[in-house]
Amino acid sequence: MNRCEIDPARGGLRGEVTIPGDKSVSHRAVIFSSLAEGSSYVRNFLCGEDNYRTVEAFRRMGVPIEEKGDNLLRIQGRGLDGLKEPEDVLDCGNSGTTIRLLSGLLAGQPFFSVLTGDQYLRKRPMKRVVKPLSEMGARIWGRSQGDLPPLAIHGGRLRPISYDSPIASAQVKSALLLAGLYCDGVTTVREPCLSRDHTERMLPFFGADLHPVAGGVALTGRPRLHGCEVTVPGDISSAAFFMVAALIVPHSELLIRNVGVNPTRDGIIEALRRMGGDLELVDERLAAGEPVADILVRGSRLKGIEIGGSLIPRMIDEIPVFTVAAALAEGTSVVRDAQELRVKETDRIASMTSELTKLGGEVEARPDGMVITGRERLQGGKVLSHGDHRIAMSMAVAGLRALSPVEVEDIACTATSFPGFWVLLGRLAGFEGH
């Protein structure tokens, strides 16, 4: 069945959990391994639908990718110029990362390609990457004057540019850097504030010449990339659901193992600590250039806060579950400067407002965020995921502090980023996940 009933937690969430590999890092590990010369091994790869869309795209472009078991991939890279023209349309499914990053890569290839996606992805804006790629000389066509997929790309020779992005977006930045690999000269991307920097950390690991500049990063084109071994850290976006779950359920003490705590991604930790959440980083270390730690979370009495500005890009994917924490905190919380939530898998501002309201939450939607007035407990009821994995999992967490069961409908979408979420949550909270 494509639904799950969440019972109120019977007691504190206790023990240890290990979170699947980071989705963003898994995408990039596959991309750069495919463009490198020689074999690469990707360990703790996230076996989710979004990442498999990236894997399948490169297989269709002639890259041998083997699954060796235990979330391990062996990728025989083809080098920068070794990809072949795909014989069919490349289907990116629900993955915005796949379609936007591949747009940059394919813009530099000497062949024709078409990128499409599911009904949700075909509504997401692409002009944010199409416009700067066109300035580099790319020829890209799409619906709504190039703003909506499918995208048809006739790749070829590109020229480097210096681009000041109007938004802080790792997908835009990464698309331009991927295109910049195929330019003679230096491609520079600047942002109003720093977005997640997995691409900047991983490219030098594979041998690229990349360095920071004021407000951004610069890449020298035509590097020779070499095969590497990459261990993917646990995804902080997935860990966030269990952080909030443990905080809102009294008497919890939960250790979340091997979580990526990249400073461009750790905004949710800062926000929850500001709310009074008891979160402790244990055994901090580095893995393939990425900061990693275990996170010890204890049940806490939370208070409302205001978030906005440069904190938002550091926690943009975690705002739905932050909203759940705010709905169960003392006082009022405000989310501002988060208009980017309007163009995710769904309009996450509208979706979280409507679904939390169904459970008795007090949420006011604003153009760039929300105002949430907290309460001690939520009500039970039926809620929808809107086909968005983060909405589905956030509402499941909300159900742990409801007065009666919460039924979440359309939960198959969670497979895009967190296979096994329902079983893991059910085991910790004492209900039968499925």
Protein backbone atom coordinates (compact mmCIF):
# COMPACT_ATOMS: atom_id res chain seq x y z
CA MET A 1 0.00 0.00 0.00
CA ASN A 2 1.18 3.52 -0.79
CA ARG A 3 0.44 4.89 2.69
CA CYS A 4 1.70 4.50 6.25
CA GLU A 5 -0.03 5.06 9.57
CA ILE A 6 2.15 6.70 12.20
CA ASP A 7 1.23 6.02 15.82
CA PRO A 8 2.26 8.48 18.54
CA ALA A 9 5.64 7.46 19.93
CA ARG A 10 5.26 5.05 22.87
CA GLY A 11 8.41 6.27 24.56
CA GLY A 12 11.71 7.97 23.88
CA LEU A 13 13.61 7.16 20.70
CA ARG A 14 16.76 5.39 21.90
CA GLY A 15 19.70 3.58 20.37
CA GLU A 16 21.74 4.12 17.22
CA VAL A 17 20.88 4.60 13.55
CA THR A 18 23.02 4.77 10.42
CA ILE A 19 21.75 7.07 7.70
CA PRO A 20 22.08 6.25 3.97
CA GLY A 21 24.73 8.00 1.92
CA ASP A 22 24.42 11.67 1.00
CA LYS A 23 22.34 12.18 -2.13
CA SER A 24 24.23 15.25 -3.37
CA VAL A 25 27.66 13.68 -2.86
CA SER A 26 26.52 10.42 -4.50
CA HIS A 27 25.41 12.28 -7.65
CA ARG A 28 28.74 14.07 -7.93
CA ALA A 29 30.82 10.98 -7.22
CA VAL A 30 29.17 9.23 -10.18
CA ILE A 31 29.60 12.24 -12.47
CA PHE A 32 33.27 12.90 -11.75
CA SER A 33 34.17 9.21 -11.71
CA SER A 34 32.63 8.89 -15.18
CA LEU A 35 34.71 11.83 -16.47
CA ALA A 36 37.93 10.58 -14.90
CA GLU A 37 40.52 8.31 -16.49
CA GLY A 38 40.71 4.88 -14.90
CA SER A 39 38.62 3.10 -12.29
CA SER A 40 36.89 4.75 -9.36
CA TYR A 41 35.14 3.16 -6.40
CA VAL A 42 32.19 4.88 -4.72
CA ARG A 43 31.44 3.50 -1.25
CA ASN A 44 28.22 4.07 0.72
CA PHE A 45 26.50 5.18 -2.49
CA LEU A 46 22.87 6.16 -1.90
CA CYS A 47 20.80 3.52 -3.67
CA GLY A 48 17.85 5.88 -4.19
CA GLU A 49 15.86 6.54 -7.33
CA ASP A 50 17.34 10.01 -7.89
CA ASN A 51 20.91 8.74 -7.85
CA TYR A 52 20.08 5.80 -10.09
CA ARG A 53 18.82 8.30 -12.68
CA THR A 54 22.34 9.75 -12.80
CA VAL A 55 23.89 6.27 -12.97
CA GLU A 56 21.60 5.24 -15.83
CA ALA A 57 22.31 8.44 -17.76
CA PHE A 58 26.04 7.72 -17.77
CA ARG A 59 25.49 4.08 -18.68
CA ARG A 60 23.54 5.32 -21.70
CA MET A 61 26.55 7.48 -22.57
CA GLY A 62 28.86 4.46 -22.59
CA VAL A 63 30.27 4.46 -19.04
CA PRO A 64 30.57 0.97 -17.45
CA ILE A 65 29.16 1.16 -13.91
CA GLU A 66 29.04 -2.01 -11.82
CA GLU A 67 27.20 -2.54 -8.55
CA LYS A 68 29.47 -4.62 -6.35
CA GLY A 69 27.11 -4.98 -3.36
CA ASP A 70 27.00 -3.17 -0.01
CA ASN A 71 26.30 0.17 -1.71
CA LEU A 72 29.60 -0.02 -3.64
CA LEU A 73 29.99 1.10 -7.26
CA ARG A 74 32.93 0.48 -9.58
CA ILE A 75 33.02 3.05 -12.37
CA GLN A 76 35.34 2.78 -15.36
CA GLY A 77 35.81 6.41 -16.32
CA ARG A 78 35.93 7.47 -19.96
CA GLY A 79 37.83 10.73 -19.53
CA LEU A 80 36.53 14.20 -20.40
CA ASP A 81 36.11 13.37 -24.10
CA GLY A 82 35.03 9.74 -23.87
CA LEU A 83 31.24 10.00 -23.56
CA LYS A 84 29.10 8.87 -26.48
CA GLU A 85 25.82 10.24 -27.80
CA PRO A 86 22.87 8.54 -26.04
CA GLU A 87 20.52 6.64 -28.33
CA ASP A 88 17.42 7.69 -26.41
CA VAL A 89 16.08 10.47 -24.21
CA LEU A 90 17.75 10.66 -20.77
CA ASP A 91 15.00 10.40 -18.14
CA CYS A 92 15.95 12.23 -14.94
CA GLY A 93 12.83 11.11 -13.07
CA ASN A 94 12.24 13.42 -10.12
CA SER A 95 15.87 14.51 -9.78
CA GLY A 96 16.51 18.22 -10.17
CA THR A 97 20.20 17.62 -9.48
CA THR A 98 20.46 15.16 -12.36
CA ILE A 99 18.80 17.37 -14.95
CA ARG A 100 20.55 20.60 -13.99
CA LEU A 101 24.05 19.18 -13.57
CA LEU A 102 23.77 17.11 -16.75
CA SER A 103 22.63 20.24 -18.62
CA GLY A 104 26.02 21.76 -17.86
CA LEU A 105 27.93 18.62 -18.75
CA LEU A 106 26.04 17.94 -21.98
CA ALA A 107 26.43 21.54 -23.12
CA GLY A 108 30.10 20.78 -23.69
CA GLN A 109 29.67 17.47 -25.55
CA PRO A 110 29.99 17.19 -29.35
CA PHE A 111 26.61 15.51 -29.72
CA PHE A 112 22.84 15.92 -29.36
CA SER A 113 20.91 14.90 -26.24
CA VAL A 114 17.48 15.35 -24.64
CA LEU A 115 16.75 15.52 -20.89
CA THR A 116 13.29 15.01 -19.41
CA GLY A 117 11.71 13.96 -16.12
CA ASP A 118 8.50 13.05 -14.35
CA GLN A 119 5.39 15.22 -14.03
CA TYR A 120 6.90 17.13 -11.11
CA LEU A 121 10.33 17.73 -12.63
CA ARG A 122 8.77 19.01 -15.85
CA LYS A 123 7.30 21.89 -13.83
CA ARG A 124 10.59 22.99 -12.26
CA PRO A 125 12.47 26.05 -13.58
CA MET A 126 15.51 25.45 -15.79
CA LYS A 127 16.25 28.95 -17.07
CA ARG A 128 18.48 29.52 -14.05
CA VAL A 129 20.98 27.14 -15.71
CA VAL A 130 19.95 27.58 -19.35
CA LYS A 131 20.63 31.33 -19.33
CA PRO A 132 24.26 31.26 -18.14
CA LEU A 133 25.01 28.14 -20.20
CA SER A 134 23.72 29.99 -23.25
CA GLU A 135 26.13 32.82 -22.43
CA MET A 136 28.89 30.20 -22.64
CA GLY A 137 27.72 29.33 -26.15
CA ALA A 138 25.46 26.37 -25.38
CA ARG A 139 22.44 25.67 -27.59
CA ILE A 140 19.56 24.54 -25.39
CA TRP A 141 15.84 24.44 -26.18
CA GLY A 142 12.96 23.75 -23.81
CA ARG A 143 9.32 24.47 -23.18
CA SER A 144 8.28 27.94 -22.03
CA GLN A 145 11.22 29.56 -23.82
CA GLY A 146 13.75 27.20 -22.31
CA ASP A 147 12.47 27.34 -18.74
CA LEU A 148 10.77 23.94 -18.53
CA PRO A 149 11.82 20.38 -19.48
CA PRO A 150 12.18 18.50 -21.71
CA LEU A 151 15.46 20.17 -22.68
CA ALA A 152 17.13 19.51 -26.04
CA ILE A 153 20.86 20.21 -26.04
CA HIS A 154 23.15 20.45 -29.04
CA GLY A 155 26.53 20.49 -27.35
CA GLY A 156 29.75 21.90 -28.66
CA ARG A 157 32.58 24.31 -28.08
CA LEU A 158 32.03 26.58 -25.08
CA ARG A 159 33.75 29.72 -23.87
CA PRO A 160 34.54 30.49 -20.22
CA ILE A 161 32.58 33.23 -18.48
CA SER A 162 32.56 35.04 -15.16
CA TYR A 163 29.02 34.69 -13.84
CA ASP A 164 27.39 36.44 -10.89
CA SER A 165 24.49 34.19 -9.96
CA PRO A 166 21.41 36.05 -8.66
CA ILE A 167 20.65 33.09 -6.35
CA ALA A 168 22.74 30.87 -4.09
CA SER A 169 22.28 27.53 -5.82
CA ALA A 170 24.66 24.58 -5.78
CA GLN A 171 22.92 23.18 -8.85
CA VAL A 172 23.51 26.34 -10.88
CA LYS A 173 27.10 26.61 -9.69
CA SER A 174 27.82 22.94 -10.39
CA ALA A 175 26.24 23.06 -13.86
CA LEU A 176 28.49 25.95 -14.84
CA LEU A 177 31.59 24.29 -13.39
CA LEU A 178 30.81 21.10 -15.31
CA ALA A 179 30.49 23.16 -18.49
CA GLY A 180 33.70 24.95 -17.50
CA LEU A 181 35.59 21.65 -17.61
CA TYR A 182 35.21 21.83 -21.39
CA CYS A 183 36.40 25.44 -21.81
CA ASP A 184 39.86 26.74 -22.62
CA GLY A 185 40.42 29.23 -19.83
CA VAL A 186 38.95 30.00 -16.43
CA THR A 187 35.25 29.83 -15.55
CA THR A 188 34.26 31.86 -12.48
CA VAL A 189 30.98 31.58 -10.57
CA ARG A 190 30.02 33.98 -7.79
CA GLU A 191 26.97 33.78 -5.50
CA PRO A 192 25.20 36.21 -3.14
CA CYS A 193 26.08 33.77 -0.34
CA LEU A 194 27.80 30.41 -0.34
CA SER A 195 25.68 27.42 -1.38
CA ARG A 196 26.66 23.82 -0.64
CA ASP A 197 30.19 23.19 -1.85
CA HIS A 198 30.37 19.44 -2.56
CA THR A 199 31.42 20.10 -6.16
CA GLU A 200 34.27 22.40 -5.10
CA ARG A 201 35.50 19.83 -2.57
CA MET A 202 35.30 16.84 -4.90
CA LEU A 203 36.71 18.26 -8.16
CA PRO A 204 40.21 18.87 -6.74
CA PHE A 205 40.06 15.37 -5.21
CA PHE A 206 39.85 14.08 -8.81
CA GLY A 207 42.64 16.41 -9.97
CA ALA A 208 40.92 19.59 -11.18
CA ASP A 209 42.50 23.03 -10.78
CA LEU A 210 39.92 24.93 -8.76
CA HIS A 211 40.40 27.73 -6.26
CA PRO A 212 38.27 30.20 -4.28
CA VAL A 213 37.85 33.83 -5.37
CA ALA A 214 36.02 36.67 -3.69
CA GLY A 215 32.37 35.62 -3.47
CA GLY A 216 32.83 32.42 -5.44
CA VAL A 217 35.09 29.90 -7.12
CA ALA A 218 37.21 29.69 -10.30
CA LEU A 219 37.93 26.57 -12.39
CA THR A 220 40.63 26.14 -15.04
CA GLY A 221 39.22 24.16 -17.94
CA ARG A 222 40.42 20.99 -19.66
CA PRO A 223 41.90 19.23 -16.58
CA ARG A 224 42.93 15.61 -16.64
CA LEU A 225 40.81 13.88 -14.01
CA HIS A 226 41.98 10.61 -12.46
CA GLY A 227 40.07 7.78 -10.85
CA CYS A 228 39.59 7.91 -7.06
CA GLU A 229 38.04 6.07 -4.17
CA VAL A 230 35.19 8.09 -2.63
CA THR A 231 33.41 7.24 0.61
CA VAL A 232 30.07 9.04 0.74
CA PRO A 233 29.09 10.37 4.19
CA GLY A 234 25.59 9.91 5.59
CA ASP A 235 23.09 12.48 4.32
CA ILE A 236 22.40 15.28 6.80
CA SER A 237 19.08 15.93 5.03
CA SER A 238 18.01 12.38 5.91
CA ALA A 239 19.51 12.61 9.40
CA ALA A 240 17.45 15.76 10.03
CA PHE A 241 14.22 13.75 10.25
CA PHE A 242 15.67 11.69 13.11
CA MET A 243 17.23 14.74 14.77
CA VAL A 244 13.81 16.40 14.98
CA ALA A 245 12.08 13.14 15.92
CA ALA A 246 14.42 12.62 18.87
CA LEU A 247 14.15 16.25 19.97
CA ILE A 248 10.34 16.37 20.03
CA VAL A 249 9.78 12.98 21.71
CA PRO A 250 10.50 13.24 25.46
CA HIS A 251 13.17 11.00 27.02
CA SER A 252 14.87 10.30 23.68
CA GLU A 253 18.61 9.70 23.34
CA LEU A 254 19.59 8.79 19.79
CA LEU A 255 23.03 8.49 18.21
CA ILE A 256 23.03 9.08 14.45
CA ARG A 257 26.18 7.60 12.91
CA ASN A 258 28.45 8.88 10.13
CA VAL A 259 26.63 12.09 9.14
CA GLY A 260 28.12 14.63 6.75
CA VAL A 261 28.44 17.95 8.60
CA ASN A 262 29.72 20.09 5.73
CA PRO A 263 29.54 23.74 6.93
CA THR A 264 27.49 24.66 3.83
CA ARG A 265 24.91 22.03 4.85
CA ASP A 266 24.78 22.18 8.66
CA GLY A 267 22.25 24.99 9.04
CA ILE A 268 19.67 22.60 10.49
CA ILE A 269 22.02 21.83 13.40
CA GLU A 270 22.50 25.54 14.09
CA ALA A 271 18.77 26.23 13.90
CA LEU A 272 17.80 23.34 16.20
CA ARG A 273 20.46 24.33 18.74
CA ARG A 274 19.12 27.89 18.72
CA MET A 275 15.71 26.41 19.51
CA GLY A 276 17.21 24.79 22.61
CA GLY A 277 17.83 21.39 21.04
CA ASP A 278 20.43 19.17 22.71
CA LEU A 279 22.64 18.02 19.81
CA GLU A 280 26.26 17.00 20.30
CA LEU A 281 28.80 16.26 17.52
CA VAL A 282 30.93 13.23 18.41
CA ASP A 283 34.13 11.95 16.74
CA GLU A 284 34.44 14.68 14.12
CA ARG A 285 36.60 13.58 11.17
CA LEU A 286 37.18 13.93 7.40
CA ALA A 287 36.19 11.51 4.60
CA ALA A 288 37.23 12.33 1.02
CA GLY A 289 37.41 16.00 1.94
CA GLU A 290 33.98 16.05 3.61
CA PRO A 291 33.57 16.71 7.37
CA VAL A 292 31.79 13.81 9.11
CA ALA A 293 30.60 13.25 12.69
CA ASP A 294 28.23 11.17 14.80
CA ILE A 295 25.35 13.24 16.19
CA LEU A 296 23.98 12.54 19.67
CA VAL A 297 20.44 13.93 20.10
CA ARG A 298 18.44 14.10 23.31
CA GLY A 299 14.79 15.00 23.81
CA SER A 300 14.50 18.75 24.44
CA ARG A 301 12.00 21.48 25.15
CA LEU A 302 12.16 23.67 22.06
CA LYS A 303 11.38 27.37 21.71
CA GLY A 304 10.41 29.36 18.61
CA ILE A 305 13.06 31.26 16.63
CA GLU A 306 13.37 33.27 13.41
CA ILE A 307 15.51 31.99 10.54
CA GLY A 308 16.47 33.77 7.33
CA GLY A 309 19.33 35.27 5.34
CA SER A 310 22.49 33.23 4.78
CA LEU A 311 21.22 30.41 7.03
CA ILE A 312 18.54 29.44 4.49
CA PRO A 313 20.84 28.03 1.75
CA ARG A 314 22.56 25.96 4.44
CA MET A 315 19.28 24.22 5.39
CA ILE A 316 16.96 24.68 2.40
CA ASP A 317 16.09 20.96 2.13
CA GLU A 318 15.58 20.64 5.88
CA ILE A 319 13.07 23.48 6.27
CA PRO A 320 10.02 21.15 5.98
CA VAL A 321 11.12 19.13 9.01
CA PHE A 322 12.26 22.32 10.80
CA THR A 323 8.65 23.46 10.38
CA VAL A 324 7.54 20.35 12.28
CA ALA A 325 9.94 21.22 15.12
CA ALA A 326 8.56 24.79 15.12
CA ALA A 327 4.96 23.50 15.25
CA LEU A 328 5.83 21.68 18.50
CA ALA A 329 7.97 24.44 20.06
CA GLU A 330 7.03 27.02 22.65
CA GLY A 331 6.20 30.37 21.04
CA THR A 332 6.34 31.55 17.45
CA SER A 333 8.86 30.74 14.72
CA VAL A 334 9.36 32.69 11.49
CA VAL A 335 10.91 31.43 8.25
CA ARG A 336 11.86 34.17 5.80
CA ASP A 337 14.00 34.52 2.63
CA ALA A 338 12.99 30.97 1.63
CA GLN A 339 11.10 31.65 -1.60
CA GLU A 340 13.22 28.89 -3.20
CA LEU A 341 10.88 26.44 -1.41
CA ARG A 342 8.18 27.44 -3.89
CA VAL A 343 10.00 25.69 -6.78
CA LYS A 344 11.13 22.42 -5.21
CA GLU A 345 9.50 19.03 -5.93
CA THR A 346 6.32 20.79 -4.84
CA ASP A 347 5.59 24.21 -3.39
CA ARG A 348 6.89 23.29 0.04
CA ILE A 349 5.59 26.44 1.70
CA ALA A 350 2.04 25.71 0.55
CA SER A 351 2.32 21.96 1.18
CA MET A 352 3.67 22.18 4.74
CA THR A 353 1.14 24.88 5.58
CA SER A 354 -1.81 22.83 4.36
CA GLU A 355 -0.71 19.51 5.87
CA LEU A 356 0.30 20.80 9.29
CA THR A 357 -2.97 22.74 9.46
CA LYS A 358 -4.83 19.45 8.95
CA LEU A 359 -3.19 18.25 12.17
CA GLY A 360 -4.18 21.36 14.12
CA GLY A 361 -0.94 23.24 13.59
CA GLU A 362 -1.02 27.04 13.40
CA VAL A 363 0.86 27.95 10.23
CA GLU A 364 0.60 31.11 8.13
CA ALA A 365 2.12 30.99 4.66
CA ARG A 366 4.01 34.01 3.38
CA PRO A 367 5.50 34.58 -0.08
CA ASP A 368 9.01 33.80 1.17
CA GLY A 369 8.31 31.58 4.15
CA MET A 370 5.98 30.83 7.05
CA VAL A 371 4.97 31.91 10.54
CA ILE A 372 4.45 28.93 12.87
CA THR A 373 2.90 29.12 16.32
CA GLY A 374 3.88 26.10 18.36
CA ARG A 375 1.76 23.88 20.55
CA GLU A 376 2.31 20.95 22.92
CA ARG A 377 0.81 18.23 20.69
CA LEU A 378 -0.70 17.93 17.22
CA GLN A 379 -3.90 16.12 16.27
CA GLY A 380 -4.22 12.90 14.30
CA GLY A 381 -5.61 12.72 10.78
CA LYS A 382 -4.84 12.06 7.13
CA VAL A 383 -2.20 14.05 5.27
CA LEU A 384 -0.75 14.05 1.77
CA SER A 385 2.86 14.02 0.58
CA HIS A 386 2.09 15.94 -2.64
CA GLY A 387 4.54 13.53 -4.30
CA ASP A 388 7.41 15.13 -2.34
CA HIS A 389 9.69 12.84 -0.33
CA ARG A 390 10.61 15.52 2.21
CA ILE A 391 6.95 16.41 2.86
CA ALA A 392 6.11 12.73 3.38
CA MET A 393 8.91 12.14 5.89
CA SER A 394 8.30 15.43 7.70
CA MET A 395 4.65 14.57 8.25
CA ALA A 396 5.67 11.13 9.54
CA VAL A 397 7.85 12.84 12.16
CA ALA A 398 4.93 15.11 13.08
CA GLY A 399 2.84 12.01 13.72
CA LEU A 400 5.14 10.97 16.55
CA ARG A 401 3.77 13.86 18.66
CA ALA A 402 0.13 13.69 17.64
CA LEU A 403 -2.68 12.71 19.99
CA SER A 404 -3.87 9.95 17.65
CA PRO A 405 -2.49 8.21 14.53
CA VAL A 406 -1.47 10.18 11.44
CA GLU A 407 -1.89 8.51 8.05
CA VAL A 408 0.52 9.72 5.37
CA GLU A 409 -0.63 9.02 1.83
CA ASP A 410 1.51 8.67 -1.32
CA ILE A 411 4.72 7.61 0.41
CA ALA A 412 6.43 5.84 -2.51
CA CYS A 413 8.22 9.12 -3.28
CA THR A 414 10.50 8.61 -0.25
CA ALA A 415 12.47 6.05 -2.27
CA THR A 416 14.05 8.95 -4.18
CA SER A 417 16.26 9.84 -1.20
CA PHE A 418 15.72 7.45 1.74
CA PRO A 419 14.92 3.81 0.98
CA GLY A 420 14.04 2.08 4.22
CA PHE A 421 12.89 5.22 6.04
CA TRP A 422 9.55 3.79 7.14
CA VAL A 423 11.02 0.59 8.55
CA LEU A 424 13.72 2.49 10.43
CA LEU A 425 11.30 5.05 11.89
CA GLY A 426 8.86 2.31 12.84
CA ARG A 427 11.57 0.34 14.63
CA LEU A 428 12.64 3.33 16.70
CA ALA A 429 9.17 4.64 17.47
CA GLY A 430 7.46 1.32 18.12
CA PHE A 431 5.06 1.05 15.18
CA GLU A 432 5.18 -1.27 12.17
CA GLY A 433 6.79 0.69 9.33
CA HIS A 434 6.10 -0.45 5.75
